[in-house]
Amino acid sequence: MSDFSCWFCKQTIEEHDVKAVAIEISNLWFSGENQPIQSFWAHSKCAQQNLSGGYIFDPDDLINPQ
């Protein structure tokens, strides 16, 4: 198993956090097949707390889309 560290709290993400997320960031204005992308990872709780500013982010939506 690879070790994934949470982008927000820096702690290791354990496999039992089945709702943990991968976050990919790219330049909004650069497009194409060779667009550079950087990936980050987060615990489900950390993502929900830190990514829910003006929008509601729910990790359940990634497992149980409605």
PDB file of N, CA and C in Angstrom:
ATOM      1  N   MET A   1       0.838  -1.185   0.000  1.00  0.00           N
ATOM      2  CA  MET A   1       0.000   0.000   0.000  1.00  0.00           C
ATOM      3  C   MET A   1       0.884   1.250   0.000  1.00  0.00           C
ATOM      4  N   SER A   2       0.481   2.224  -0.755  1.00  0.00           N
ATOM      5  CA  SER A   2       1.169   3.511  -0.752  1.00  0.00           C
ATOM      6  C   SER A   2       0.646   4.352   0.394  1.00  0.00           C
ATOM      7  N   ASP A   3       1.521   5.166   0.945  1.00  0.00           N
ATOM      8  CA  ASP A   3       1.079   6.085   1.983  1.00  0.00           C
ATOM      9  C   ASP A   3       0.588   7.366   1.338  1.00  0.00           C
ATOM     10  N   PHE A   4      -0.619   7.752   1.677  1.00  0.00           N
ATOM     11  CA  PHE A   4      -1.192   9.007   1.224  1.00  0.00           C
ATOM     12  C   PHE A   4      -1.338   9.907   2.441  1.00  0.00           C
ATOM     13  N   SER A   5      -0.857  11.132   2.333  1.00  0.00           N
ATOM     14  CA  SER A   5      -0.986  12.101   3.420  1.00  0.00           C
ATOM     15  C   SER A   5      -2.055  13.115   3.050  1.00  0.00           C
ATOM     16  N   CYS A   6      -2.838  13.483   4.033  1.00  0.00           N
ATOM     17  CA  CYS A   6      -3.914  14.450   3.830  1.00  0.00           C
ATOM     18  C   CYS A   6      -3.340  15.834   3.537  1.00  0.00           C
ATOM     19  N   TRP A   7      -3.869  16.474   2.526  1.00  0.00           N
ATOM     20  CA  TRP A   7      -3.459  17.811   2.113  1.00  0.00           C
ATOM     21  C   TRP A   7      -3.684  18.823   3.234  1.00  0.00           C
ATOM     22  N   PHE A   8      -4.720  18.616   4.023  1.00  0.00           N
ATOM     23  CA  PHE A   8      -5.104  19.588   5.036  1.00  0.00           C
ATOM     24  C   PHE A   8      -4.438  19.349   6.390  1.00  0.00           C
ATOM     25  N   CYS A   9      -4.499  18.133   6.910  1.00  0.00           N
ATOM     26  CA  CYS A   9      -3.970  17.878   8.255  1.00  0.00           C
ATOM     27  C   CYS A   9      -2.604  17.197   8.245  1.00  0.00           C
ATOM     28  N   LYS A  10      -2.156  16.763   7.089  1.00  0.00           N
ATOM     29  CA  LYS A  10      -0.838  16.138   6.900  1.00  0.00           C
ATOM     30  C   LYS A  10      -0.713  14.737   7.500  1.00  0.00           C
ATOM     31  N   GLN A  11      -1.794  14.189   8.042  1.00  0.00           N
ATOM     32  CA  GLN A  11      -1.763  12.854   8.631  1.00  0.00           C
ATOM     33  C   GLN A  11      -1.975  11.797   7.548  1.00  0.00           C
ATOM     34  N   THR A  12      -1.516  10.569   7.817  1.00  0.00           N
ATOM     35  CA  THR A  12      -1.691   9.463   6.874  1.00  0.00           C
ATOM     36  C   THR A  12      -3.175   9.124   6.732  1.00  0.00           C
ATOM     37  N   ILE A  13      -3.590   8.843   5.509  1.00  0.00           N
ATOM     38  CA  ILE A  13      -4.973   8.435   5.240  1.00  0.00           C
ATOM     39  C   ILE A  13      -5.012   6.912   5.253  1.00  0.00           C
ATOM     40  N   GLU A  14      -5.792   6.368   6.140  1.00  0.00           N
ATOM     41  CA  GLU A  14      -5.911   4.918   6.289  1.00  0.00           C
ATOM     42  C   GLU A  14      -6.961   4.374   5.322  1.00  0.00           C
ATOM     43  N   GLU A  15      -6.813   3.110   4.967  1.00  0.00           N
ATOM     44  CA  GLU A  15      -7.733   2.477   4.010  1.00  0.00           C
ATOM     45  C   GLU A  15      -9.165   2.412   4.519  1.00  0.00           C
ATOM     46  N   HIS A  16      -9.364   2.431   5.823  1.00  0.00           N
ATOM     47  CA  HIS A  16     -10.733   2.349   6.349  1.00  0.00           C
ATOM     48  C   HIS A  16     -11.526   3.628   6.090  1.00  0.00           C
ATOM     49  N   ASP A  17     -10.845   4.709   5.690  1.00  0.00           N
ATOM     50  CA  ASP A  17     -11.556   5.937   5.289  1.00  0.00           C
ATOM     51  C   ASP A  17     -11.934   5.772   3.819  1.00  0.00           C
ATOM     52  N   VAL A  18     -12.981   5.004   3.587  1.00  0.00           N
ATOM     53  CA  VAL A  18     -13.367   4.650   2.210  1.00  0.00           C
ATOM     54  C   VAL A  18     -13.910   5.841   1.421  1.00  0.00           C
ATOM     55  N   LYS A  19     -14.167   6.947   2.097  1.00  0.00           N
ATOM     56  CA  LYS A  19     -14.665   8.148   1.425  1.00  0.00           C
ATOM     57  C   LYS A  19     -13.566   9.185   1.215  1.00  0.00           C
ATOM     58  N   ALA A  20     -12.315   8.824   1.506  1.00  0.00           N
ATOM     59  CA  ALA A  20     -11.194   9.738   1.268  1.00  0.00           C
ATOM     60  C   ALA A  20     -11.190  10.130  -0.207  1.00  0.00           C
ATOM     61  N   VAL A  21     -10.658  11.300  -0.499  1.00  0.00           N
ATOM     62  CA  VAL A  21     -10.735  11.807  -1.874  1.00  0.00           C
ATOM     63  C   VAL A  21      -9.361  12.121  -2.458  1.00  0.00           C
ATOM     64  N   ALA A  22      -9.300  12.045  -3.776  1.00  0.00           N
ATOM     65  CA  ALA A  22      -8.156  12.530  -4.547  1.00  0.00           C
ATOM     66  C   ALA A  22      -8.611  13.825  -5.201  1.00  0.00           C
ATOM     67  N   ILE A  23      -7.795  14.843  -5.096  1.00  0.00           N
ATOM     68  CA  ILE A  23      -8.126  16.163  -5.633  1.00  0.00           C
ATOM     69  C   ILE A  23      -7.102  16.486  -6.704  1.00  0.00           C
ATOM     70  N   GLU A  24      -7.566  16.749  -7.910  1.00  0.00           N
ATOM     71  CA  GLU A  24      -6.667  17.103  -9.005  1.00  0.00           C
ATOM     72  C   GLU A  24      -6.832  18.573  -9.341  1.00  0.00           C
ATOM     73  N   ILE A  25      -5.707  19.275  -9.425  1.00  0.00           N
ATOM     74  CA  ILE A  25      -5.730  20.703  -9.698  1.00  0.00           C
ATOM     75  C   ILE A  25      -4.960  20.978 -10.978  1.00  0.00           C
ATOM     76  N   SER A  26      -5.569  21.816 -11.818  1.00  0.00           N
ATOM     77  CA  SER A  26      -4.916  22.216 -13.063  1.00  0.00           C
ATOM     78  C   SER A  26      -5.215  23.689 -13.309  1.00  0.00           C
ATOM     79  N   ASN A  27      -4.512  24.258 -14.242  1.00  0.00           N
ATOM     80  CA  ASN A  27      -4.721  25.650 -14.611  1.00  0.00           C
ATOM     81  C   ASN A  27      -6.054  25.766 -15.329  1.00  0.00           C
ATOM     82  N   LEU A  28      -6.892  26.670 -14.882  1.00  0.00           N
ATOM     83  CA  LEU A  28      -8.223  26.861 -15.463  1.00  0.00           C
ATOM     84  C   LEU A  28      -8.158  27.217 -16.939  1.00  0.00           C
ATOM     85  N   TRP A  29      -7.144  27.952 -17.350  1.00  0.00           N
ATOM     86  CA  TRP A  29      -7.097  28.499 -18.706  1.00  0.00           C
ATOM     87  C   TRP A  29      -6.227  27.696 -19.664  1.00  0.00           C
ATOM     88  N   PHE A  30      -5.547  26.685 -19.176  1.00  0.00           N
ATOM     89  CA  PHE A  30      -4.700  25.856 -20.038  1.00  0.00           C
ATOM     90  C   PHE A  30      -5.448  24.569 -20.322  1.00  0.00           C
ATOM     91  N   SER A  31      -5.614  24.243 -21.596  1.00  0.00           N
ATOM     92  CA  SER A  31      -6.324  23.008 -21.918  1.00  0.00           C
ATOM     93  C   SER A  31      -5.510  22.205 -22.926  1.00  0.00           C
ATOM     94  N   GLY A  32      -5.830  20.967 -23.045  1.00  0.00           N
ATOM     95  CA  GLY A  32      -5.138  20.097 -23.976  1.00  0.00           C
ATOM     96  C   GLY A  32      -4.765  18.779 -23.318  1.00  0.00           C
ATOM     97  N   GLU A  33      -4.334  17.863 -24.146  1.00  0.00           N
ATOM     98  CA  GLU A  33      -4.002  16.531 -23.642  1.00  0.00           C
ATOM     99  C   GLU A  33      -2.815  16.539 -22.694  1.00  0.00           C
ATOM    100  N   ASN A  34      -1.896  17.449 -22.873  1.00  0.00           N
ATOM    101  CA  ASN A  34      -0.694  17.491 -22.043  1.00  0.00           C
ATOM    102  C   ASN A  34      -0.799  18.489 -20.903  1.00  0.00           C
ATOM    103  N   GLN A  35      -2.017  18.792 -20.494  1.00  0.00           N
ATOM    104  CA  GLN A  35      -2.221  19.750 -19.410  1.00  0.00           C
ATOM    105  C   GLN A  35      -1.621  19.204 -18.119  1.00  0.00           C
ATOM    106  N   PRO A  36      -0.739  19.968 -17.478  1.00  0.00           N
ATOM    107  CA  PRO A  36      -0.182  19.505 -16.205  1.00  0.00           C
ATOM    108  C   PRO A  36      -1.249  19.486 -15.114  1.00  0.00           C
ATOM    109  N   ILE A  37      -1.240  18.420 -14.332  1.00  0.00           N
ATOM    110  CA  ILE A  37      -2.199  18.248 -13.242  1.00  0.00           C
ATOM    111  C   ILE A  37      -1.415  17.861 -11.999  1.00  0.00           C
ATOM    112  N   GLN A  38      -1.782  18.437 -10.872  1.00  0.00           N
ATOM    113  CA  GLN A  38      -1.184  18.055  -9.598  1.00  0.00           C
ATOM    114  C   GLN A  38      -2.268  17.404  -8.748  1.00  0.00           C
ATOM    115  N   SER A  39      -1.925  16.293  -8.109  1.00  0.00           N
ATOM    116  CA  SER A  39      -2.884  15.557  -7.287  1.00  0.00           C
ATOM    117  C   SER A  39      -2.572  15.714  -5.806  1.00  0.00           C
ATOM    118  N   PHE A  40      -3.636  15.843  -5.033  1.00  0.00           N
ATOM    119  CA  PHE A  40      -3.557  15.895  -3.578  1.00  0.00           C
ATOM    120  C   PHE A  40      -4.578  14.895  -3.047  1.00  0.00           C
ATOM    121  N   TRP A  41      -4.448  14.522  -1.782  1.00  0.00           N
ATOM    122  CA  TRP A  41      -5.372  13.576  -1.170  1.00  0.00           C
ATOM    123  C   TRP A  41      -5.870  14.149   0.137  1.00  0.00           C
ATOM    124  N   ALA A  42      -7.058  13.716   0.555  1.00  0.00           N
ATOM    125  CA  ALA A  42      -7.611  14.236   1.805  1.00  0.00           C
ATOM    126  C   ALA A  42      -8.525  13.214   2.458  1.00  0.00           C
ATOM    127  N   HIS A  43      -8.511  13.235   3.789  1.00  0.00           N
ATOM    128  CA  HIS A  43      -9.497  12.453   4.544  1.00  0.00           C
ATOM    129  C   HIS A  43     -10.885  12.961   4.157  1.00  0.00           C
ATOM    130  N   SER A  44     -11.876  12.122   4.253  1.00  0.00           N
ATOM    131  CA  SER A  44     -13.239  12.542   3.910  1.00  0.00           C
ATOM    132  C   SER A  44     -13.689  13.705   4.803  1.00  0.00           C
ATOM    133  N   LYS A  45     -13.414  13.635   6.094  1.00  0.00           N
ATOM    134  CA  LYS A  45     -13.824  14.705   7.014  1.00  0.00           C
ATOM    135  C   LYS A  45     -13.072  16.001   6.729  1.00  0.00           C
ATOM    136  N   CYS A  46     -11.769  15.907   6.465  1.00  0.00           N
ATOM    137  CA  CYS A  46     -10.982  17.107   6.168  1.00  0.00           C
ATOM    138  C   CYS A  46     -11.470  17.760   4.879  1.00  0.00           C
ATOM    139  N   ALA A  47     -11.765  16.953   3.873  1.00  0.00           N
ATOM    140  CA  ALA A  47     -12.263  17.494   2.607  1.00  0.00           C
ATOM    141  C   ALA A  47     -13.607  18.178   2.821  1.00  0.00           C
ATOM    142  N   GLN A  48     -14.481  17.536   3.567  1.00  0.00           N
ATOM    143  CA  GLN A  48     -15.803  18.115   3.800  1.00  0.00           C
ATOM    144  C   GLN A  48     -15.698  19.432   4.560  1.00  0.00           C
ATOM    145  N   GLN A  49     -14.829  19.492   5.543  1.00  0.00           N
ATOM    146  CA  GLN A  49     -14.672  20.715   6.339  1.00  0.00           C
ATOM    147  C   GLN A  49     -14.007  21.831   5.557  1.00  0.00           C
ATOM    148  N   ASN A  50     -13.039  21.492   4.715  1.00  0.00           N
ATOM    149  CA  ASN A  50     -12.232  22.511   4.055  1.00  0.00           C
ATOM    150  C   ASN A  50     -12.688  22.868   2.645  1.00  0.00           C
ATOM    151  N   LEU A  51     -13.523  22.050   2.032  1.00  0.00           N
ATOM    152  CA  LEU A  51     -13.956  22.307   0.654  1.00  0.00           C
ATOM    153  C   LEU A  51     -15.415  22.716   0.559  1.00  0.00           C
ATOM    154  N   SER A  52     -16.043  22.997   1.655  1.00  0.00           N
ATOM    155  CA  SER A  52     -17.470  23.312   1.641  1.00  0.00           C
ATOM    156  C   SER A  52     -17.758  24.797   1.785  1.00  0.00           C
ATOM    157  N   GLY A  53     -16.817  25.653   1.429  1.00  0.00           N
ATOM    158  CA  GLY A  53     -17.011  27.095   1.536  1.00  0.00           C
ATOM    159  C   GLY A  53     -18.346  27.569   1.011  1.00  0.00           C
ATOM    160  N   GLY A  54     -18.430  27.945  -0.236  1.00  0.00           N
ATOM    161  CA  GLY A  54     -19.665  28.436  -0.831  1.00  0.00           C
ATOM    162  C   GLY A  54     -20.508  27.326  -1.440  1.00  0.00           C
ATOM    163  N   TYR A  55     -19.947  26.140  -1.525  1.00  0.00           N
ATOM    164  CA  TYR A  55     -20.645  24.993  -2.095  1.00  0.00           C
ATOM    165  C   TYR A  55     -20.679  23.895  -1.052  1.00  0.00           C
ATOM    166  N   ILE A  56     -21.645  23.023  -1.150  1.00  0.00           N
ATOM    167  CA  ILE A  56     -21.713  21.911  -0.211  1.00  0.00           C
ATOM    168  C   ILE A  56     -21.010  20.720  -0.834  1.00  0.00           C
ATOM    169  N   PHE A  57     -19.931  20.274  -0.190  1.00  0.00           N
ATOM    170  CA  PHE A  57     -19.215  19.086  -0.641  1.00  0.00           C
ATOM    171  C   PHE A  57     -19.534  17.955   0.318  1.00  0.00           C
ATOM    172  N   ASP A  58     -19.989  16.846  -0.219  1.00  0.00           N
ATOM    173  CA  ASP A  58     -20.311  15.677   0.595  1.00  0.00           C
ATOM    174  C   ASP A  58     -19.609  14.471  -0.006  1.00  0.00           C
ATOM    175  N   PRO A  59     -18.628  13.870   0.687  1.00  0.00           N
ATOM    176  CA  PRO A  59     -17.930  12.708   0.157  1.00  0.00           C
ATOM    177  C   PRO A  59     -18.862  11.549  -0.199  1.00  0.00           C
ATOM    178  N   ASP A  60     -20.038  11.488   0.436  1.00  0.00           N
ATOM    179  CA  ASP A  60     -21.002  10.434   0.095  1.00  0.00           C
ATOM    180  C   ASP A  60     -21.410  10.497  -1.371  1.00  0.00           C
ATOM    181  N   ASP A  61     -21.404  11.692  -1.946  1.00  0.00           N
ATOM    182  CA  ASP A  61     -21.801  11.834  -3.348  1.00  0.00           C
ATOM    183  C   ASP A  61     -20.853  11.098  -4.296  1.00  0.00           C
ATOM    184  N   LEU A  62     -19.636  10.837  -3.856  1.00  0.00           N
ATOM    185  CA  LEU A  62     -18.677  10.123  -4.701  1.00  0.00           C
ATOM    186  C   LEU A  62     -18.909   8.623  -4.664  1.00  0.00           C
ATOM    187  N   ILE A  63     -19.579   8.147  -3.611  1.00  0.00           N
ATOM    188  CA  ILE A  63     -19.866   6.715  -3.475  1.00  0.00           C
ATOM    189  C   ILE A  63     -21.309   6.417  -3.869  1.00  0.00           C
ATOM    190  N   ASN A  64     -22.221   7.299  -3.483  1.00  0.00           N
ATOM    191  CA  ASN A  64     -23.657   7.116  -3.732  1.00  0.00           C
ATOM    192  C   ASN A  64     -24.218   8.316  -4.489  1.00  0.00           C
ATOM    193  N   PRO A  65     -23.876   8.468  -5.780  1.00  0.00           N
ATOM    194  CA  PRO A  65     -24.388   9.629  -6.510  1.00  0.00           C
ATOM    195  C   PRO A  65     -25.910   9.602  -6.584  1.00  0.00           C
ATOM    196  N   GLN A  66     -26.499  10.789  -6.461  1.00  0.00           N
ATOM    197  CA  GLN A  66     -27.978  10.878  -6.505  1.00  0.00           C
ATOM    198  C   GLN A  66     -28.409  11.843  -7.551  1.00  0.00           C
TER     199      GLN A  66
END
